[in-house]
Protein backbone atom coordinates (compact mmCIF):
# COMPACT_ATOMS: atom_id res chain seq x y z
CA MET A 1 20.95 -3.02 18.74
CA ASN A 2 22.51 -5.18 16.08
CA PRO A 3 21.12 -8.48 14.79
CA THR A 4 23.51 -10.54 16.89
CA SER A 5 22.59 -8.89 20.20
CA GLN A 6 19.10 -10.38 20.53
CA HIS A 7 20.06 -11.68 23.97
CA SER A 8 20.10 -8.11 25.28
CA VAL A 9 16.35 -7.81 24.69
CA SER A 10 14.24 -9.11 27.55
CA ILE A 11 10.56 -9.95 27.39
CA ARG A 12 8.41 -9.28 30.44
CA LEU A 13 4.85 -8.45 31.30
CA ALA A 14 4.08 -4.82 30.59
CA ALA A 15 3.26 -2.43 33.40
CA GLU A 16 1.33 0.82 33.49
CA ASN A 17 4.56 2.82 33.39
CA ASP A 18 5.21 1.31 29.92
CA LEU A 19 2.15 3.02 28.48
CA PRO A 20 3.88 6.21 27.22
CA ALA A 21 6.42 4.17 25.24
CA MET A 22 3.72 1.80 23.94
CA LEU A 23 1.66 4.81 22.88
CA GLU A 24 4.63 6.27 21.01
CA ILE A 25 5.23 2.99 19.14
CA TYR A 26 1.54 2.51 18.36
CA ASN A 27 1.03 6.07 17.12
CA ASP A 28 4.07 5.83 14.87
CA ILE A 29 2.57 2.66 13.39
CA ILE A 30 -0.80 4.39 12.86
CA LEU A 31 0.78 7.38 11.15
CA ASN A 32 3.41 5.61 9.05
CA THR A 33 2.33 2.03 8.29
CA THR A 34 -0.63 -0.03 7.19
CA ALA A 35 -0.32 -2.40 10.16
CA VAL A 36 -3.15 -0.58 11.96
CA TYR A 37 -6.22 0.47 10.00
CA ASP A 38 -6.65 3.73 11.86
CA TYR A 39 -5.84 7.31 10.83
CA GLU A 40 -5.63 9.35 14.01
CA PRO A 41 -3.05 8.94 16.78
CA HIS A 42 -4.38 7.62 20.06
CA THR A 43 -4.31 9.57 23.30
CA PHE A 44 -2.68 8.46 26.51
CA GLU A 45 -6.13 7.99 28.02
CA MET A 46 -7.10 5.64 25.17
CA ARG A 47 -3.97 3.56 25.76
CA ARG A 48 -4.59 3.53 29.51
CA GLN A 49 -8.16 2.29 29.00
CA TRP A 50 -6.92 -0.32 26.51
CA PHE A 51 -4.43 -1.61 29.08
CA GLN A 52 -7.07 -1.68 31.80
CA VAL A 53 -9.43 -3.71 29.61
CA LYS A 54 -6.62 -6.19 28.83
CA GLN A 55 -6.07 -6.66 32.56
CA GLU A 56 -9.80 -7.04 33.26
CA GLN A 57 -10.13 -9.64 30.50
CA GLY A 58 -7.06 -11.55 31.70
CA PHE A 59 -5.04 -11.01 28.51
CA PRO A 60 -1.32 -10.39 29.01
CA VAL A 61 0.59 -7.58 27.39
CA PHE A 62 4.24 -8.41 26.84
CA ALA A 63 6.95 -5.76 26.63
CA ALA A 64 10.28 -6.08 24.84
CA GLU A 65 12.93 -4.07 26.63
CA GLU A 66 16.49 -3.29 25.68
CA ASN A 67 18.78 -1.32 27.99
CA GLY A 68 15.78 0.01 29.91
CA ASN A 69 13.94 1.14 26.77
CA LEU A 70 10.70 -0.38 25.53
CA VAL A 71 11.25 -1.46 21.91
CA GLY A 72 8.07 -3.44 21.26
CA PHE A 73 4.97 -5.02 22.74
CA SER A 74 2.48 -7.77 21.99
CA THR A 75 -0.85 -8.94 23.30
CA LEU A 76 -3.84 -11.16 22.81
CA GLY A 77 -7.44 -10.07 22.64
CA PRO A 78 -10.87 -11.46 21.92
CA PHE A 79 -11.65 -12.54 18.38
CA ARG A 80 -15.13 -11.33 17.34
CA ARG A 81 -15.86 -10.49 20.94
CA GLU A 82 -19.59 -10.00 20.58
CA TRP A 83 -20.41 -13.70 20.37
CA THR A 84 -19.83 -16.22 23.15
CA ALA A 85 -19.05 -19.14 20.83
CA TYR A 86 -15.75 -17.45 19.92
CA ARG A 87 -14.55 -17.51 23.55
CA PHE A 88 -11.78 -20.03 22.77
CA SER A 89 -10.38 -17.92 19.93
CA VAL A 90 -8.06 -14.94 20.31
CA GLU A 91 -6.42 -12.43 18.01
CA ASN A 92 -2.81 -11.41 18.47
CA SER A 93 -1.06 -8.07 17.99
CA VAL A 94 2.68 -7.45 17.73
CA TYR A 95 4.25 -3.99 17.47
CA VAL A 96 7.95 -3.15 17.19
CA LYS A 97 9.61 0.27 17.29
CA THR A 98 10.63 1.50 13.82
CA ASP A 99 14.39 1.71 14.36
CA VAL A 100 14.71 -1.89 15.60
CA ARG A 101 12.43 -3.73 13.15
CA GLY A 102 13.99 -6.69 11.39
CA MET A 103 16.21 -7.58 14.35
CA GLY A 104 14.23 -10.49 15.77
CA ILE A 105 12.18 -8.63 18.37
CA GLY A 106 8.88 -9.65 16.77
CA LYS A 107 9.92 -13.29 17.10
CA LEU A 108 10.64 -12.75 20.79
CA LEU A 109 7.19 -11.20 21.24
CA VAL A 110 5.17 -13.89 19.42
CA ALA A 111 6.47 -16.87 21.39
CA PRO A 112 5.03 -15.84 24.78
CA LEU A 113 1.65 -15.12 23.16
CA ILE A 114 1.36 -18.76 22.13
CA GLY A 115 2.25 -19.92 25.63
CA ALA A 116 -0.23 -17.47 27.15
CA ALA A 117 -2.99 -18.65 24.81
CA ARG A 118 -2.32 -22.24 25.88
CA ASN A 119 -2.41 -21.23 29.55
CA LEU A 120 -5.72 -19.45 28.96
CA LYS A 121 -7.08 -22.68 27.40
CA MET A 122 -7.58 -21.04 24.02
CA HIS A 123 -8.02 -23.22 20.95
CA THR A 124 -6.79 -20.89 18.22
CA ILE A 125 -4.96 -17.63 17.57
CA VAL A 126 -5.86 -15.46 14.58
CA ALA A 127 -3.51 -12.83 13.16
CA GLY A 128 -4.95 -10.13 10.90
CA ILE A 129 -2.12 -8.83 8.70
CA GLU A 130 -2.13 -6.32 5.85
CA ALA A 131 -1.54 -8.46 2.76
CA THR A 132 1.68 -6.74 1.61
CA ASN A 133 3.33 -7.05 5.05
CA GLU A 134 5.48 -10.03 4.09
CA VAL A 135 7.72 -9.64 7.15
CA SER A 136 4.81 -10.12 9.55
CA ILE A 137 3.33 -12.92 7.45
CA LYS A 138 6.64 -14.81 7.43
CA LEU A 139 7.11 -14.19 11.15
CA HIS A 140 3.76 -15.81 11.92
CA GLN A 141 4.38 -18.66 9.48
CA ARG A 142 7.60 -19.46 11.37
CA PHE A 143 5.42 -20.23 14.38
CA GLY A 144 3.07 -22.47 12.40
CA PHE A 145 0.37 -19.96 11.46
CA LYS A 146 -1.34 -20.78 8.16
CA GLU A 147 -3.13 -18.37 5.85
CA VAL A 148 -6.87 -19.04 6.02
CA ALA A 149 -8.41 -15.94 4.41
CA HIS A 150 -7.55 -13.07 2.08
CA PHE A 151 -10.01 -10.20 2.13
CA ARG A 152 -9.61 -7.86 -0.81
CA GLU A 153 -9.86 -4.08 -0.53
CA VAL A 154 -11.33 -3.96 2.98
CA GLY A 155 -9.30 -0.98 4.20
CA TRP A 156 -8.46 2.45 2.76
CA LYS A 157 -5.27 4.15 3.89
CA PHE A 158 -2.60 6.34 2.31
CA GLY A 159 -4.77 6.78 -0.80
CA ARG A 160 -5.04 3.10 -1.66
CA TRP A 161 -7.12 0.03 -0.95
CA LEU A 162 -5.66 -2.49 1.48
CA ASP A 163 -6.12 -6.25 1.51
CA LEU A 164 -6.21 -8.12 4.80
CA LYS A 165 -4.98 -11.65 5.36
CA PHE A 166 -5.98 -13.81 8.29
CA LEU A 167 -3.45 -16.35 9.48
CA GLN A 168 -4.40 -18.93 12.08
CA LEU A 169 -2.65 -21.20 14.52
CA ILE A 170 -4.60 -24.06 16.06
CA ILE A 171 -3.05 -24.66 19.46
């Protein structure tokens, strides 16, 4: 894919047969980035259960597909799920395959999340982003997200402390 061929990427609802490709993308992110504060790759069963819970909770998972290949995915999920008063708040997640990052796929995956949150009658979307991930921060800012918190040294990965920023969009 080149930067001018964005139109060849289609966004659709993910299906169970997308799980192996989503798992591959997610595990690469765990092992090679600070976007996910986890150390160990997930199993297929973990990803299957994750997808099942998304369906049970009514949260969509969007898939970005190019030429029949899954190149990214995004979803919404509960924000601070233990407490009922947060029921109108969601957190978003956007993941793009390594070799196609920076080509506009993230932008294509954020837009339907905002529409889905509106349809679900949510009030706000929160994005938790590692503080040095300027690409993700700028992506969210393009959609109107504003930085509302900066937590210092809350994660430890790759031998260093990680800061976490929360960006928020009031719908």
